Amino acid sequence: QVQLVESGGGLVQPGESLRLSCAASGSIINFNFMGWYRQAPGKQRDLVASFTDGGSTNYADSVKGRFTISRDNAKNTVYLQMNSLKPEDTAVYLCNARRYRLGHNYWGQGTQVTVSS
């Protein structure tokens, strides 16, 4: 069992930045997928950014050019740098990690990001 703990959320004004962290209780090297989702009240959970097998990154169209996903394997941590934040970025941001062959699918508890003037 792996625990994922997100941190770094908060209240910011439009145009400002935040960096989210997702710290895993164990090694993240052998996860096939690691990513950030977000869920706003009354809306579905959407994929924001992710690493897939081979180290490639993917981004939702709404965040391309503003958000960057990165990782530090030595610290077992994945980050989400969010720049030029907009009110529509307001949501709970959740970290997800999967090992496909083993059927593992882990979620963190989420961190709230609120963008408001």
N, C-alpha and C. Protein backbone atom coordinates (compact mmCIF):
# COMPACT_ATOMS: atom_id res chain seq x y z
N GLN A 1 0.84 -1.19 0.00
CA GLN A 1 0.00 0.00 0.00
C GLN A 1 0.88 1.25 0.00
N VAL A 2 0.54 2.19 -0.85
CA VAL A 2 1.28 3.44 -0.96
C VAL A 2 0.35 4.58 -0.59
N GLN A 3 0.82 5.47 0.25
CA GLN A 3 0.05 6.67 0.57
C GLN A 3 0.58 7.84 -0.24
N LEU A 4 -0.33 8.64 -0.74
CA LEU A 4 0.01 9.85 -1.46
C LEU A 4 -0.53 11.04 -0.66
N VAL A 5 0.32 12.02 -0.44
CA VAL A 5 -0.08 13.19 0.35
C VAL A 5 0.21 14.44 -0.47
N GLU A 6 -0.87 15.17 -0.78
CA GLU A 6 -0.72 16.41 -1.52
C GLU A 6 -0.56 17.59 -0.57
N SER A 7 0.11 18.61 -1.05
CA SER A 7 0.25 19.85 -0.29
C SER A 7 0.50 20.98 -1.26
N GLY A 8 0.40 22.21 -0.75
CA GLY A 8 0.73 23.37 -1.56
C GLY A 8 -0.45 24.17 -2.06
N GLY A 9 -1.65 23.68 -1.81
CA GLY A 9 -2.82 24.43 -2.26
C GLY A 9 -3.01 25.69 -1.43
N GLY A 10 -3.96 26.52 -1.87
CA GLY A 10 -4.25 27.73 -1.13
C GLY A 10 -5.12 28.67 -1.93
N LEU A 11 -5.24 29.88 -1.40
CA LEU A 11 -6.03 30.94 -2.04
C LEU A 11 -5.07 31.93 -2.69
N VAL A 12 -5.23 32.13 -3.98
CA VAL A 12 -4.39 33.09 -4.71
C VAL A 12 -5.25 33.94 -5.60
N GLN A 13 -4.68 35.04 -6.07
CA GLN A 13 -5.37 35.92 -7.00
C GLN A 13 -5.10 35.48 -8.43
N PRO A 14 -5.97 35.85 -9.36
CA PRO A 14 -5.73 35.53 -10.78
C PRO A 14 -4.36 36.05 -11.22
N GLY A 15 -3.68 35.22 -11.99
CA GLY A 15 -2.36 35.58 -12.48
C GLY A 15 -1.21 35.11 -11.61
N GLU A 16 -1.52 34.70 -10.39
CA GLU A 16 -0.46 34.24 -9.48
C GLU A 16 -0.14 32.77 -9.72
N SER A 17 0.82 32.27 -8.93
CA SER A 17 1.32 30.90 -9.12
C SER A 17 1.23 30.11 -7.83
N LEU A 18 1.18 28.80 -7.99
CA LEU A 18 1.27 27.86 -6.88
C LEU A 18 2.04 26.64 -7.35
N ARG A 19 2.70 25.98 -6.40
CA ARG A 19 3.32 24.70 -6.71
C ARG A 19 2.76 23.65 -5.77
N LEU A 20 2.14 22.65 -6.35
CA LEU A 20 1.61 21.53 -5.58
C LEU A 20 2.64 20.42 -5.51
N SER A 21 2.63 19.71 -4.40
CA SER A 21 3.50 18.55 -4.21
C SER A 21 2.67 17.32 -3.89
N CYS A 22 3.12 16.19 -4.38
CA CYS A 22 2.50 14.90 -4.07
C CYS A 22 3.62 13.99 -3.58
N ALA A 23 3.65 13.76 -2.28
CA ALA A 23 4.69 12.94 -1.69
C ALA A 23 4.17 11.52 -1.49
N ALA A 24 4.90 10.55 -2.03
CA ALA A 24 4.52 9.14 -1.89
C ALA A 24 5.28 8.51 -0.73
N SER A 25 4.64 7.52 -0.10
CA SER A 25 5.28 6.85 1.04
C SER A 25 6.32 5.84 0.61
N GLY A 26 6.40 5.57 -0.69
CA GLY A 26 7.39 4.66 -1.21
C GLY A 26 7.91 5.14 -2.55
N SER A 27 8.72 4.32 -3.17
CA SER A 27 9.33 4.69 -4.44
C SER A 27 8.27 4.90 -5.53
N ILE A 28 8.49 5.92 -6.33
CA ILE A 28 7.57 6.21 -7.44
C ILE A 28 8.13 5.73 -8.78
N ILE A 29 9.30 5.13 -8.74
CA ILE A 29 9.99 4.78 -9.99
C ILE A 29 9.19 3.79 -10.83
N ASN A 30 8.54 2.82 -10.17
CA ASN A 30 7.90 1.76 -10.95
C ASN A 30 6.41 1.97 -11.17
N PHE A 31 5.94 3.18 -10.98
CA PHE A 31 4.56 3.47 -11.34
C PHE A 31 4.48 3.69 -12.85
N ASN A 32 3.51 3.08 -13.50
CA ASN A 32 3.30 3.27 -14.93
C ASN A 32 2.70 4.63 -15.22
N PHE A 33 1.97 5.16 -14.27
CA PHE A 33 1.26 6.43 -14.46
C PHE A 33 1.30 7.21 -13.16
N MET A 34 1.61 8.50 -13.26
CA MET A 34 1.46 9.41 -12.13
C MET A 34 0.92 10.71 -12.68
N GLY A 35 -0.10 11.22 -12.03
CA GLY A 35 -0.69 12.42 -12.56
C GLY A 35 -1.48 13.22 -11.56
N TRP A 36 -1.91 14.38 -12.00
CA TRP A 36 -2.75 15.28 -11.21
C TRP A 36 -4.11 15.39 -11.88
N TYR A 37 -5.14 15.22 -11.08
CA TYR A 37 -6.52 15.45 -11.49
C TYR A 37 -7.05 16.65 -10.70
N ARG A 38 -8.16 17.18 -11.17
CA ARG A 38 -8.85 18.20 -10.38
C ARG A 38 -10.35 18.01 -10.50
N GLN A 39 -11.02 18.42 -9.44
CA GLN A 39 -12.46 18.29 -9.40
C GLN A 39 -13.06 19.52 -8.75
N ALA A 40 -13.88 20.23 -9.51
CA ALA A 40 -14.59 21.40 -8.99
C ALA A 40 -15.96 20.94 -8.50
N PRO A 41 -16.58 21.69 -7.60
CA PRO A 41 -17.89 21.30 -7.07
C PRO A 41 -18.91 21.07 -8.18
N GLY A 42 -19.57 19.92 -8.14
CA GLY A 42 -20.60 19.61 -9.11
C GLY A 42 -20.10 19.20 -10.47
N LYS A 43 -18.78 19.04 -10.60
CA LYS A 43 -18.21 18.68 -11.90
C LYS A 43 -17.46 17.36 -11.80
N GLN A 44 -17.17 16.78 -12.94
CA GLN A 44 -16.45 15.52 -12.96
C GLN A 44 -14.97 15.75 -12.68
N ARG A 45 -14.30 14.68 -12.32
CA ARG A 45 -12.87 14.73 -12.07
C ARG A 45 -12.14 14.66 -13.41
N ASP A 46 -11.29 15.65 -13.67
CA ASP A 46 -10.59 15.74 -14.94
C ASP A 46 -9.08 15.60 -14.76
N LEU A 47 -8.46 14.96 -15.72
CA LEU A 47 -7.00 14.84 -15.73
C LEU A 47 -6.40 16.18 -16.15
N VAL A 48 -5.44 16.64 -15.37
CA VAL A 48 -4.79 17.93 -15.63
C VAL A 48 -3.44 17.72 -16.29
N ALA A 49 -2.62 16.86 -15.69
CA ALA A 49 -1.27 16.63 -16.20
C ALA A 49 -0.79 15.27 -15.71
N SER A 50 0.06 14.63 -16.50
CA SER A 50 0.49 13.29 -16.11
C SER A 50 1.82 12.91 -16.74
N PHE A 51 2.46 11.94 -16.07
CA PHE A 51 3.58 11.20 -16.63
C PHE A 51 3.05 9.83 -17.01
N THR A 52 3.48 9.36 -18.18
CA THR A 52 3.12 8.00 -18.57
C THR A 52 4.40 7.20 -18.77
N ASP A 53 4.23 5.91 -19.10
CA ASP A 53 5.39 5.05 -19.33
C ASP A 53 6.35 5.69 -20.32
N GLY A 54 7.60 5.61 -20.02
CA GLY A 54 8.61 6.20 -20.88
C GLY A 54 8.94 7.63 -20.51
N GLY A 55 8.19 8.17 -19.55
CA GLY A 55 8.51 9.51 -19.06
C GLY A 55 7.86 10.64 -19.82
N SER A 56 6.99 10.32 -20.77
CA SER A 56 6.33 11.40 -21.51
C SER A 56 5.32 12.10 -20.62
N THR A 57 5.04 13.36 -20.94
CA THR A 57 4.08 14.15 -20.18
C THR A 57 2.89 14.52 -21.06
N ASN A 58 1.76 14.63 -20.41
CA ASN A 58 0.54 15.04 -21.10
C ASN A 58 -0.18 16.10 -20.29
N TYR A 59 -0.82 17.02 -20.97
CA TYR A 59 -1.53 18.11 -20.32
C TYR A 59 -2.92 18.28 -20.93
N ALA A 60 -3.84 18.67 -20.08
CA ALA A 60 -5.14 19.09 -20.60
C ALA A 60 -4.96 20.38 -21.40
N ASP A 61 -5.76 20.54 -22.44
CA ASP A 61 -5.63 21.72 -23.28
C ASP A 61 -5.78 23.01 -22.48
N SER A 62 -6.61 22.97 -21.46
CA SER A 62 -6.90 24.18 -20.69
C SER A 62 -5.71 24.67 -19.86
N VAL A 63 -4.70 23.81 -19.66
CA VAL A 63 -3.57 24.21 -18.82
C VAL A 63 -2.24 24.23 -19.58
N LYS A 64 -2.25 23.83 -20.84
CA LYS A 64 -1.00 23.83 -21.62
C LYS A 64 -0.39 25.22 -21.66
N GLY A 65 0.92 25.24 -21.42
CA GLY A 65 1.63 26.50 -21.41
C GLY A 65 1.61 27.22 -20.08
N ARG A 66 0.76 26.76 -19.15
CA ARG A 66 0.68 27.40 -17.84
C ARG A 66 1.11 26.45 -16.71
N PHE A 67 0.82 25.18 -16.85
CA PHE A 67 1.14 24.20 -15.81
C PHE A 67 2.29 23.31 -16.29
N THR A 68 3.12 22.89 -15.34
CA THR A 68 4.21 21.98 -15.63
C THR A 68 4.26 20.90 -14.57
N ILE A 69 4.26 19.65 -15.01
CA ILE A 69 4.41 18.53 -14.09
C ILE A 69 5.87 18.11 -14.08
N SER A 70 6.38 17.79 -12.89
CA SER A 70 7.76 17.35 -12.77
C SER A 70 7.83 16.33 -11.63
N ARG A 71 8.98 15.70 -11.52
CA ARG A 71 9.12 14.68 -10.50
C ARG A 71 10.54 14.66 -9.97
N ASP A 72 10.67 14.22 -8.72
CA ASP A 72 11.97 14.01 -8.09
C ASP A 72 11.93 12.59 -7.53
N ASN A 73 12.49 11.65 -8.26
CA ASN A 73 12.42 10.25 -7.84
C ASN A 73 13.13 10.01 -6.51
N ALA A 74 14.18 10.77 -6.26
CA ALA A 74 14.92 10.59 -5.01
C ALA A 74 14.07 10.98 -3.80
N LYS A 75 13.15 11.93 -4.01
CA LYS A 75 12.27 12.37 -2.93
C LYS A 75 10.89 11.73 -3.01
N ASN A 76 10.69 10.85 -3.97
CA ASN A 76 9.39 10.19 -4.15
C ASN A 76 8.25 11.20 -4.26
N THR A 77 8.50 12.25 -5.01
CA THR A 77 7.56 13.36 -5.07
C THR A 77 7.31 13.80 -6.51
N VAL A 78 6.06 14.11 -6.78
CA VAL A 78 5.66 14.69 -8.05
C VAL A 78 5.12 16.09 -7.78
N TYR A 79 5.44 17.00 -8.66
CA TYR A 79 5.05 18.40 -8.48
C TYR A 79 4.14 18.86 -9.62
N LEU A 80 3.38 19.89 -9.33
CA LEU A 80 2.61 20.57 -10.37
C LEU A 80 2.82 22.06 -10.17
N GLN A 81 3.60 22.65 -11.06
CA GLN A 81 3.80 24.09 -11.05
C GLN A 81 2.68 24.73 -11.84
N MET A 82 1.95 25.62 -11.21
CA MET A 82 0.80 26.26 -11.85
C MET A 82 1.03 27.76 -11.91
N ASN A 83 1.16 28.27 -13.11
CA ASN A 83 1.38 29.70 -13.33
C ASN A 83 0.15 30.32 -14.00
N SER A 84 0.09 31.63 -13.94
CA SER A 84 -1.00 32.37 -14.58
C SER A 84 -2.36 31.77 -14.23
N LEU A 85 -2.58 31.57 -12.95
CA LEU A 85 -3.80 30.91 -12.52
C LEU A 85 -5.04 31.75 -12.83
N LYS A 86 -6.11 31.03 -13.15
CA LYS A 86 -7.38 31.66 -13.51
C LYS A 86 -8.46 31.18 -12.54
N PRO A 87 -9.53 31.94 -12.39
CA PRO A 87 -10.62 31.49 -11.51
C PRO A 87 -11.14 30.10 -11.87
N GLU A 88 -11.13 29.77 -13.16
CA GLU A 88 -11.62 28.46 -13.57
C GLU A 88 -10.69 27.32 -13.19
N ASP A 89 -9.52 27.62 -12.66
CA ASP A 89 -8.61 26.60 -12.14
C ASP A 89 -9.00 26.19 -10.72
N THR A 90 -9.94 26.87 -10.13
CA THR A 90 -10.38 26.56 -8.77
C THR A 90 -10.95 25.15 -8.70
N ALA A 91 -10.39 24.34 -7.80
CA ALA A 91 -10.81 22.94 -7.68
C ALA A 91 -10.01 22.28 -6.56
N VAL A 92 -10.42 21.07 -6.21
CA VAL A 92 -9.57 20.21 -5.40
C VAL A 92 -8.66 19.46 -6.36
N TYR A 93 -7.37 19.50 -6.10
CA TYR A 93 -6.39 18.83 -6.94
C TYR A 93 -5.94 17.54 -6.24
N LEU A 94 -6.01 16.45 -7.00
CA LEU A 94 -5.70 15.13 -6.44
C LEU A 94 -4.59 14.46 -7.22
N CYS A 95 -3.74 13.79 -6.48
CA CYS A 95 -2.63 13.03 -7.07
C CYS A 95 -3.08 11.58 -7.27
N ASN A 96 -2.64 10.98 -8.36
CA ASN A 96 -3.00 9.60 -8.69
C ASN A 96 -1.77 8.85 -9.18
N ALA A 97 -1.65 7.60 -8.76
CA ALA A 97 -0.53 6.76 -9.19
C ALA A 97 -1.03 5.35 -9.48
N ARG A 98 -0.53 4.74 -10.54
CA ARG A 98 -1.02 3.42 -10.94
C ARG A 98 0.11 2.49 -11.37
N ARG A 99 -0.07 1.24 -11.02
CA ARG A 99 0.76 0.16 -11.57
C ARG A 99 -0.21 -0.77 -12.30
N TYR A 100 -0.14 -0.77 -13.60
CA TYR A 100 -1.17 -1.45 -14.38
C TYR A 100 -1.14 -2.96 -14.17
N ARG A 101 0.03 -3.57 -14.23
CA ARG A 101 0.12 -5.03 -14.16
C ARG A 101 -0.37 -5.55 -12.82
N LEU A 102 -0.13 -4.79 -11.76
CA LEU A 102 -0.53 -5.21 -10.42
C LEU A 102 -1.94 -4.72 -10.07
N GLY A 103 -2.51 -3.90 -10.92
CA GLY A 103 -3.85 -3.40 -10.63
C GLY A 103 -3.91 -2.39 -9.51
N HIS A 104 -2.79 -1.72 -9.24
CA HIS A 104 -2.76 -0.72 -8.17
C HIS A 104 -3.21 0.63 -8.70
N ASN A 105 -4.02 1.28 -7.88
CA ASN A 105 -4.54 2.61 -8.25
C ASN A 105 -4.70 3.41 -6.97
N TYR A 106 -3.79 4.33 -6.74
CA TYR A 106 -3.75 5.08 -5.49
C TYR A 106 -4.13 6.53 -5.70
N TRP A 107 -4.84 7.08 -4.71
CA TRP A 107 -5.25 8.49 -4.73
C TRP A 107 -4.83 9.16 -3.43
N GLY A 108 -4.48 10.43 -3.55
CA GLY A 108 -4.28 11.23 -2.36
C GLY A 108 -5.59 11.81 -1.90
N GLN A 109 -5.53 12.58 -0.81
CA GLN A 109 -6.75 13.13 -0.23
C GLN A 109 -7.16 14.45 -0.90
N GLY A 110 -6.25 15.04 -1.65
CA GLY A 110 -6.55 16.28 -2.37
C GLY A 110 -6.11 17.53 -1.62
N THR A 111 -5.87 18.57 -2.38
CA THR A 111 -5.53 19.88 -1.82
C THR A 111 -6.35 20.94 -2.58
N GLN A 112 -6.91 21.86 -1.83
CA GLN A 112 -7.81 22.87 -2.42
C GLN A 112 -7.00 24.01 -3.02
N VAL A 113 -7.34 24.34 -4.25
CA VAL A 113 -6.79 25.52 -4.91
C VAL A 113 -7.95 26.45 -5.23
N THR A 114 -7.87 27.68 -4.74
CA THR A 114 -8.91 28.67 -5.00
C THR A 114 -8.26 29.90 -5.62
N VAL A 115 -8.77 30.28 -6.79
CA VAL A 115 -8.25 31.45 -7.49
C VAL A 115 -9.36 32.48 -7.53
N SER A 116 -9.15 33.56 -6.81
CA SER A 116 -10.21 34.56 -6.68
C SER A 116 -9.61 35.92 -6.35
N SER A 117 -10.22 36.95 -6.89
CA SER A 117 -9.78 38.30 -6.56
C SER A 117 -10.59 38.85 -5.38
